[in-house]
Amino acid sequence: MTQKDKDWQMRAQIALFAALKSGQAVTYDALAQAASIPAPHRIYKLTLWLEQLMAEDAATGQPLRAAILVSRLHDWPARGFFDTARQLGLLAHKLSREDEIAWYYQERKSAFKAYGEISE
């Protein structure tokens, strides 16, 4: 990992915690901009980092910090979020889309509750 990667990941972490504390969901693009992730493929880089965070959170039994990321098109994350949750054993494989979304909103609520109480 390069120093540039470490730098944007630190900025992303700070922006993510600020969003968690504020109780506001954030788009992938807004987080990428806040972290100044360098092009090319900045959303892809962000997604890989978020998947690592999801694995860390799942391993420690914590709510998913990545649950506050949403698409520009709707108020829930991209398909990859749900795929990663399944791979981590957090989400059943055969759920309706409605049940997936309901699970997501509960996870997002848990993340805001758990991480929104962090003091700086």
Protein backbone atom coordinates (compact mmCIF):
# COMPACT_ATOMS: atom_id res chain seq x y z
CA MET A 1 0.00 0.00 0.00
CA THR A 2 1.34 3.39 -0.96
CA GLN A 3 1.46 6.46 1.25
CA LYS A 4 -1.18 8.05 -1.02
CA ASP A 5 -3.49 5.12 -0.29
CA LYS A 6 -2.90 5.44 3.43
CA ASP A 7 -3.59 9.17 3.23
CA TRP A 8 -6.93 8.90 1.45
CA GLN A 9 -7.98 6.00 3.67
CA MET A 10 -7.31 8.15 6.75
CA ARG A 11 -9.35 10.97 5.22
CA ALA A 12 -12.12 8.50 4.35
CA GLN A 13 -12.12 7.18 7.91
CA ILE A 14 -12.46 10.71 9.31
CA ALA A 15 -15.28 11.56 6.88
CA LEU A 16 -17.03 8.27 7.60
CA PHE A 17 -16.98 8.87 11.36
CA ALA A 18 -18.19 12.44 10.87
CA ALA A 19 -21.15 11.11 8.88
CA LEU A 20 -21.82 8.44 11.50
CA LYS A 21 -21.79 11.05 14.27
CA SER A 22 -24.11 13.33 12.31
CA GLY A 23 -26.58 10.51 11.64
CA GLN A 24 -26.50 11.22 7.93
CA ALA A 25 -26.11 8.67 5.16
CA VAL A 26 -23.53 9.61 2.52
CA THR A 27 -23.15 8.69 -1.14
CA TYR A 28 -20.15 6.81 -2.41
CA ASP A 29 -19.22 9.80 -4.54
CA ALA A 30 -19.45 12.25 -1.63
CA LEU A 31 -17.19 10.07 0.52
CA ALA A 32 -14.73 9.65 -2.37
CA GLN A 33 -14.64 13.42 -2.79
CA ALA A 34 -14.26 14.08 0.94
CA ALA A 35 -11.36 11.63 1.07
CA SER A 36 -9.79 13.05 -2.10
CA ILE A 37 -9.37 9.56 -3.52
CA PRO A 38 -7.17 9.89 -6.58
CA ALA A 39 -8.40 8.91 -10.03
CA PRO A 40 -8.65 6.63 -11.85
CA HIS A 41 -11.20 4.22 -10.41
CA ARG A 42 -11.83 6.14 -7.20
CA ILE A 43 -15.20 4.51 -6.48
CA TYR A 44 -13.67 1.09 -7.07
CA LYS A 45 -10.84 1.92 -4.63
CA LEU A 46 -13.39 3.14 -2.10
CA THR A 47 -15.47 -0.02 -2.53
CA LEU A 48 -12.50 -2.29 -1.88
CA TRP A 49 -11.70 -0.32 1.28
CA LEU A 50 -15.33 -0.48 2.43
CA GLU A 51 -15.35 -4.25 1.92
CA GLN A 52 -12.30 -4.47 4.21
CA LEU A 53 -14.13 -2.41 6.83
CA MET A 54 -17.13 -4.70 6.55
CA ALA A 55 -14.91 -7.74 7.15
CA GLU A 56 -13.32 -6.05 10.19
CA ASP A 57 -16.70 -5.07 11.61
CA ALA A 58 -18.14 -8.54 11.02
CA ALA A 59 -15.13 -10.19 12.67
CA THR A 60 -15.59 -8.08 15.80
CA GLY A 61 -19.39 -8.28 15.86
CA GLN A 62 -19.79 -4.54 15.35
CA PRO A 63 -22.43 -2.86 13.20
CA LEU A 64 -21.21 -2.22 9.68
CA ARG A 65 -19.75 1.25 9.27
CA ALA A 66 -20.23 0.85 5.51
CA ALA A 67 -23.98 0.66 6.08
CA ILE A 68 -24.26 4.43 5.91
CA LEU A 69 -23.14 4.54 2.27
CA VAL A 70 -25.91 4.95 -0.28
CA SER A 71 -26.24 5.12 -4.03
CA ARG A 72 -27.02 8.36 -5.81
CA LEU A 73 -30.08 6.61 -7.21
CA HIS A 74 -31.72 5.43 -3.98
CA ASP A 75 -31.39 5.42 -0.22
CA TRP A 76 -29.50 2.14 0.09
CA PRO A 77 -26.09 0.86 -1.00
CA ALA A 78 -25.01 -0.71 -4.24
CA ARG A 79 -25.50 -4.44 -4.87
CA GLY A 80 -21.89 -5.16 -3.83
CA PHE A 81 -22.68 -4.22 -0.24
CA PHE A 82 -25.32 -6.96 -0.08
CA ASP A 83 -23.04 -9.43 -1.85
CA THR A 84 -20.25 -8.77 0.64
CA ALA A 85 -22.68 -9.09 3.57
CA ARG A 86 -23.66 -12.51 2.23
CA GLN A 87 -20.03 -13.57 1.80
CA LEU A 88 -19.41 -12.57 5.42
CA GLY A 89 -22.39 -14.62 6.60
CA LEU A 90 -24.37 -11.57 7.72
CA LEU A 91 -27.21 -11.86 5.24
CA ALA A 92 -29.13 -14.95 4.13
CA HIS A 93 -28.71 -15.95 0.50
CA LYS A 94 -32.36 -16.31 -0.43
CA LEU A 95 -34.06 -13.13 0.66
CA SER A 96 -36.49 -10.99 -1.26
CA ARG A 97 -35.24 -7.54 -2.25
CA GLU A 98 -37.66 -6.06 0.29
CA ASP A 99 -36.15 -8.19 3.06
CA GLU A 100 -32.63 -7.20 2.00
CA ILE A 101 -33.57 -3.53 2.19
CA ALA A 102 -35.25 -4.00 5.57
CA TRP A 103 -32.10 -5.72 6.88
CA TYR A 104 -30.02 -2.87 5.48
CA TYR A 105 -32.06 -0.17 7.23
CA GLN A 106 -31.74 -2.03 10.54
CA GLU A 107 -27.98 -2.34 10.04
CA ARG A 108 -27.72 1.37 9.19
CA LYS A 109 -29.71 2.27 12.30
CA SER A 110 -27.40 0.08 14.41
CA ALA A 111 -24.32 1.73 12.91
CA PHE A 112 -25.60 5.23 13.65
CA LYS A 113 -26.46 4.20 17.20
CA ALA A 114 -23.14 2.46 17.88
CA TYR A 115 -20.74 4.85 16.19
CA GLY A 116 -22.71 8.06 16.63
CA GLU A 117 -21.90 7.95 20.31
CA ILE A 118 -18.13 8.06 19.77
CA SER A 119 -16.54 11.13 21.26
CA GLU A 120 -13.70 12.90 19.50
